C-alpha atoms as a PDB file:
ATOM      1  CA  MET A   1       2.926 -12.087  -8.905  1.00  0.00           C
ATOM      2  CA  SER A   2       6.356 -12.570  -7.195  1.00  0.00           C
ATOM      3  CA  SER A   3       7.746 -12.143  -4.005  1.00  0.00           C
ATOM      4  CA  ASN A   4       9.978  -9.417  -3.126  1.00  0.00           C
ATOM      5  CA  ASP A   5      13.368 -10.613  -1.863  1.00  0.00           C
ATOM      6  CA  GLN A   6      14.943  -7.135  -1.989  1.00  0.00           C
ATOM      7  CA  GLY A   7      14.045  -4.314  -0.097  1.00  0.00           C
ATOM      8  CA  LEU A   8      13.533  -1.083  -1.722  1.00  0.00           C
ATOM      9  CA  THR A   9      14.050   2.692  -0.460  1.00  0.00           C
ATOM     10  CA  GLY A  10      12.531   5.618  -2.052  1.00  0.00           C
ATOM     11  CA  GLN A  11      11.752   9.668  -1.717  1.00  0.00           C
ATOM     12  CA  GLY A  12       8.261  10.945  -3.080  1.00  0.00           C
ATOM     13  CA  ARG A  13       4.581  11.406  -2.665  1.00  0.00           C
ATOM     14  CA  VAL A  14       3.197   9.417   0.392  1.00  0.00           C
ATOM     15  CA  THR A  15      -0.352   9.110   1.562  1.00  0.00           C
ATOM     16  CA  VAL A  16      -1.223   7.532   4.935  1.00  0.00           C
ATOM     17  CA  PHE A  17      -4.477   6.203   5.406  1.00  0.00           C
ATOM     18  CA  ALA A  18      -6.619   3.963   8.021  1.00  0.00           C
ATOM     19  CA  MET A  19      -8.706   0.848   7.022  1.00  0.00           C
ATOM     20  CA  PHE A  20     -10.124  -1.667   9.313  1.00  0.00           C
ATOM     21  CA  GLY A  21      -7.960   0.218  12.214  1.00  0.00           C
ATOM     22  CA  THR A  22      -4.787  -0.307  10.533  1.00  0.00           C
ATOM     23  CA  ALA A  23      -2.350   2.740   8.937  1.00  0.00           C
ATOM     24  CA  PHE A  24      -1.243   1.900   5.558  1.00  0.00           C
ATOM     25  CA  GLY A  25       1.117   3.936   3.418  1.00  0.00           C
ATOM     26  CA  TYR A  26       0.816   4.299  -0.361  1.00  0.00           C
ATOM     27  CA  SER A  27       3.496   5.446  -2.711  1.00  0.00           C
ATOM     28  CA  THR A  28       4.982   4.862  -5.841  1.00  0.00           C
ATOM     29  CA  HIS A  29       8.080   3.533  -7.804  1.00  0.00           C
ATOM     30  CA  HIS A  30       9.734   4.425 -10.887  1.00  0.00           C
ATOM     31  CA  LEU A  31      11.550   1.078 -12.914  1.00  0.00           C
ATOM     32  CA  ASP A  32      13.007   3.667 -15.767  1.00  0.00           C
ATOM     33  CA  GLU A  33      14.130   7.081 -16.388  1.00  0.00           C
ATOM     34  CA  ARG A  34      10.573   8.225 -17.554  1.00  0.00           C
ATOM     35  CA  ARG A  35       9.479   8.717 -13.953  1.00  0.00           C
ATOM     36  CA  ILE A  36       5.910   7.823 -14.266  1.00  0.00           C
ATOM     37  CA  GLY A  37       5.042   5.884 -11.121  1.00  0.00           C
ATOM     38  CA  ASP A  38       4.536   2.403 -12.761  1.00  0.00           C
ATOM     39  CA  VAL A  39       4.488   0.604  -9.599  1.00  0.00           C
ATOM     40  CA  ALA A  40       2.236   1.111  -6.442  1.00  0.00           C
ATOM     41  CA  VAL A  41       3.794   0.797  -3.339  1.00  0.00           C
ATOM     42  CA  ILE A  42       1.440  -0.143  -0.381  1.00  0.00           C
ATOM     43  CA  GLY A  43       1.901  -1.176   3.226  1.00  0.00           C
ATOM     44  CA  PRO A  44       1.209  -1.342   6.912  1.00  0.00           C
ATOM     45  CA  LEU A  45       2.441   1.183   9.288  1.00  0.00           C
ATOM     46  CA  THR A  46       0.953  -0.128  12.348  1.00  0.00           C
ATOM     47  CA  PRO A  47       3.179  -1.537  14.600  1.00  0.00           C
ATOM     48  CA  GLY A  48       2.833  -5.129  15.098  1.00  0.00           C
ATOM     49  CA  VAL A  49       0.876  -5.567  11.904  1.00  0.00           C
ATOM     50  CA  GLU A  50       2.246  -7.448   8.838  1.00  0.00           C
ATOM     51  CA  TRP A  51       1.923  -7.159   5.111  1.00  0.00           C
ATOM     52  CA  PRO A  52      -0.280 -10.364   4.735  1.00  0.00           C
ATOM     53  CA  ARG A  53      -2.971  -8.437   6.612  1.00  0.00           C
ATOM     54  CA  LEU A  54      -3.353  -6.143   3.584  1.00  0.00           C
ATOM     55  CA  TRP A  55      -3.928  -9.551   1.561  1.00  0.00           C
ATOM     56  CA  GLN A  56      -6.082 -10.869   4.450  1.00  0.00           C
ATOM     57  CA  MET A  57      -8.520  -7.634   4.038  1.00  0.00           C
ATOM     58  CA  ALA A  58      -8.529  -8.113   0.031  1.00  0.00           C
ATOM     59  CA  ARG A  59      -9.698 -11.777   0.203  1.00  0.00           C
ATOM     60  CA  THR A  60     -12.223 -11.109   2.990  1.00  0.00           C
ATOM     61  CA  CYS A  61     -13.629  -7.994   1.069  1.00  0.00           C
ATOM     62  CA  GLY A  62     -13.253  -9.685  -2.464  1.00  0.00           C
ATOM     63  CA  ARG A  63     -15.117 -12.412  -4.319  1.00  0.00           C
ATOM     64  CA  PRO A  64     -14.478 -15.657  -2.549  1.00  0.00           C
ATOM     65  CA  ALA A  65     -12.672 -16.962  -6.069  1.00  0.00           C
ATOM     66  CA  ALA A  66     -10.828 -13.809  -6.407  1.00  0.00           C
ATOM     67  CA  LYS A  67      -7.234 -14.560  -7.784  1.00  0.00           C
ATOM     68  CA  ASP A  68      -4.136 -12.082  -6.889  1.00  0.00           C
ATOM     69  CA  THR A  69      -4.665 -10.055  -9.257  1.00  0.00           C
ATOM     70  CA  GLU A  70      -8.117  -8.972  -8.548  1.00  0.00           C
ATOM     71  CA  LEU A  71      -7.178  -8.973  -5.104  1.00  0.00           C
ATOM     72  CA  ALA A  72      -4.235  -6.703  -5.893  1.00  0.00           C
ATOM     73  CA  ARG A  73      -6.424  -4.613  -7.797  1.00  0.00           C
ATOM     74  CA  TRP A  74      -8.938  -4.152  -4.706  1.00  0.00           C
ATOM     75  CA  ILE A  75      -5.739  -3.139  -2.473  1.00  0.00           C
ATOM     76  CA  LEU A  76      -4.780  -0.490  -5.197  1.00  0.00           C
ATOM     77  CA  ILE A  77      -8.154   1.186  -5.351  1.00  0.00           C
ATOM     78  CA  GLN A  78      -8.243   1.440  -1.336  1.00  0.00           C
ATOM     79  CA  ALA A  79      -5.282   3.712  -1.532  1.00  0.00           C
ATOM     80  CA  THR A  80      -6.301   5.567  -4.690  1.00  0.00           C
ATOM     81  CA  ARG A  81      -9.007   6.639  -2.999  1.00  0.00           C
ATOM     82  CA  ALA A  82      -7.532   7.647   0.271  1.00  0.00           C
ATOM     83  CA  PHE A  83      -4.848   9.738  -2.415  1.00  0.00           C
ATOM     84  CA  VAL A  84      -7.553  11.138  -4.689  1.00  0.00           C
ATOM     85  CA  CYS A  85     -10.660  11.841  -2.113  1.00  0.00           C
ATOM     86  CA  GLY A  86      -9.104  11.880   1.083  1.00  0.00           C
ATOM     87  CA  SER A  87     -10.986   8.990   2.365  1.00  0.00           C
ATOM     88  CA  ASN A  88      -9.578   8.005   5.901  1.00  0.00           C
ATOM     89  CA  ARG A  89      -6.435   9.699   4.977  1.00  0.00           C
ATOM     90  CA  ILE A  90      -3.923  10.377   7.832  1.00  0.00           C
ATOM     91  CA  ALA A  91      -1.356  12.227   6.475  1.00  0.00           C
ATOM     92  CA  GLN A  92      -0.103  13.360   2.770  1.00  0.00           C
ATOM     93  CA  PHE A  93       3.535  14.209   2.163  1.00  0.00           C
ATOM     94  CA  HIS A  94       4.735  15.801  -1.150  1.00  0.00           C
ATOM     95  CA  ASP A  95       8.669  14.535  -0.272  1.00  0.00           C
ATOM     96  CA  GLN A  96       8.959  11.988   1.901  1.00  0.00           C
ATOM     97  CA  GLY A  97      11.344   9.114   2.376  1.00  0.00           C
ATOM     98  CA  TRP A  98       9.653   5.879   2.633  1.00  0.00           C
ATOM     99  CA  THR A  99      11.353   2.096   2.973  1.00  0.00           C
ATOM    100  CA  LEU A 100       9.850  -1.222   1.787  1.00  0.00           C
ATOM    101  CA  GLU A 101      11.528  -4.345   3.786  1.00  0.00           C
ATOM    102  CA  PRO A 102      12.564  -7.191   2.170  1.00  0.00           C
ATOM    103  CA  GLY A 103       9.767  -9.763   2.047  1.00  0.00           C
ATOM    104  CA  GLY A 104       6.195  -9.143   0.712  1.00  0.00           C
ATOM    105  CA  LYS A 105       4.312  -9.660  -2.682  1.00  0.00           C
ATOM    106  CA  ARG A 106       4.640  -8.129  -5.941  1.00  0.00           C
ATOM    107  CA  VAL A 107       1.725  -8.526  -8.753  1.00  0.00           C
ATOM    108  CA  THR A 108       2.108  -7.290 -12.240  1.00  0.00           C
ATOM    109  CA  PHE A 109      -1.062  -6.294 -13.879  1.00  0.00           C
ATOM    110  CA  GLU A 110      -2.233  -7.507 -17.376  1.00  0.00           C
ATOM    111  CA  ALA A 111      -3.385  -3.650 -18.166  1.00  0.00           C
ATOM    112  CA  THR A 112      -2.445  -0.583 -16.571  1.00  0.00           C
ATOM    113  CA  TYR A 113      -4.834   0.095 -13.492  1.00  0.00           C
ATOM    114  CA  ALA A 114      -5.205   3.316 -11.672  1.00  0.00           C
ATOM    115  CA  ASN A 115      -2.316   4.418 -13.630  1.00  0.00           C
ATOM    116  CA  ARG A 116      -0.066   1.518 -12.243  1.00  0.00           C
ATOM    117  CA  ASP A 117       1.386  -1.314 -13.678  1.00  0.00           C
ATOM    118  CA  HIS A 118       2.552  -3.289 -10.833  1.00  0.00           C
ATOM    119  CA  LEU A 119       1.818  -3.507  -7.281  1.00  0.00           C
ATOM    120  CA  TRP A 120       4.363  -4.216  -4.602  1.00  0.00           C
ATOM    121  CA  THR A 121       3.280  -4.883  -1.014  1.00  0.00           C
ATOM    122  CA  GLY A 122       5.298  -5.136   2.031  1.00  0.00           C
ATOM    123  CA  ASN A 123       5.853  -4.020   5.315  1.00  0.00           C
ATOM    124  CA  LEU A 124       6.782  -0.232   5.301  1.00  0.00           C
ATOM    125  CA  ALA A 125       8.367   2.664   6.714  1.00  0.00           C
ATOM    126  CA  VAL A 126       7.711   6.349   6.090  1.00  0.00           C
ATOM    127  CA  ASP A 127      10.097   8.863   7.670  1.00  0.00           C
ATOM    128  CA  GLY A 128       8.979  11.306  10.484  1.00  0.00           C
ATOM    129  CA  LEU A 129       5.915   9.724  11.279  1.00  0.00           C
ATOM    130  CA  SER A 130       4.411  10.152  14.740  1.00  0.00           C
ATOM    131  CA  PRO A 131       3.282   7.256  16.716  1.00  0.00           C
ATOM    132  CA  ASP A 132      -0.512   8.898  16.482  1.00  0.00           C
ATOM    133  CA  GLN A 133      -0.210   8.706  13.231  1.00  0.00           C
ATOM    134  CA  VAL A 134       0.724   4.977  12.674  1.00  0.00           C
ATOM    135  CA  ALA A 135      -1.319   3.725  15.772  1.00  0.00           C
ATOM    136  CA  GLU A 136      -4.496   1.221  15.660  1.00  0.00           C
ATOM    137  CA  ARG A 137      -7.383   2.739  15.250  1.00  0.00           C
ATOM    138  CA  PRO A 138     -11.497   2.345  16.083  1.00  0.00           C
ATOM    139  CA  SER A 139     -13.041   0.374  13.228  1.00  0.00           C
ATOM    140  CA  HIS A 140     -16.820  -0.266  13.267  1.00  0.00           C
ATOM    141  CA  TYR A 141     -15.709  -3.065  10.713  1.00  0.00           C
ATOM    142  CA  ARG A 142     -13.155  -6.060  11.447  1.00  0.00           C
ATOM    143  CA  THR A 143     -11.397  -8.540   8.737  1.00  0.00           C
END
């Protein structure tokens, strides 16, 4: 795991989903010319919510002794569930611009997990989202 000292801009598939009342975005990034989306990019979209909130959710919902790699798997599976099953999906875009701000956290998986080798989290912005799509939502659960 490492910190993300540089920002990142991309264009591609983006899933916007709600979890515990917060809107998050999920996209992928490619590290080489194969373009296999080996990096999952996930971050909060709700104004005023910072990326550590995502890790706090994973810590609250995971095992008390979980290490960052296990927490990263929990984060990735929540985003994958929204993408595949539509669970709490707010929007799905096939070709949308996004920006991951500098800062955040990067984790490399020991083995490919949910078709990804890395998870990069940070504060995320997705082009063209309406205030309604990123607004805080009611939730039965709080973490």
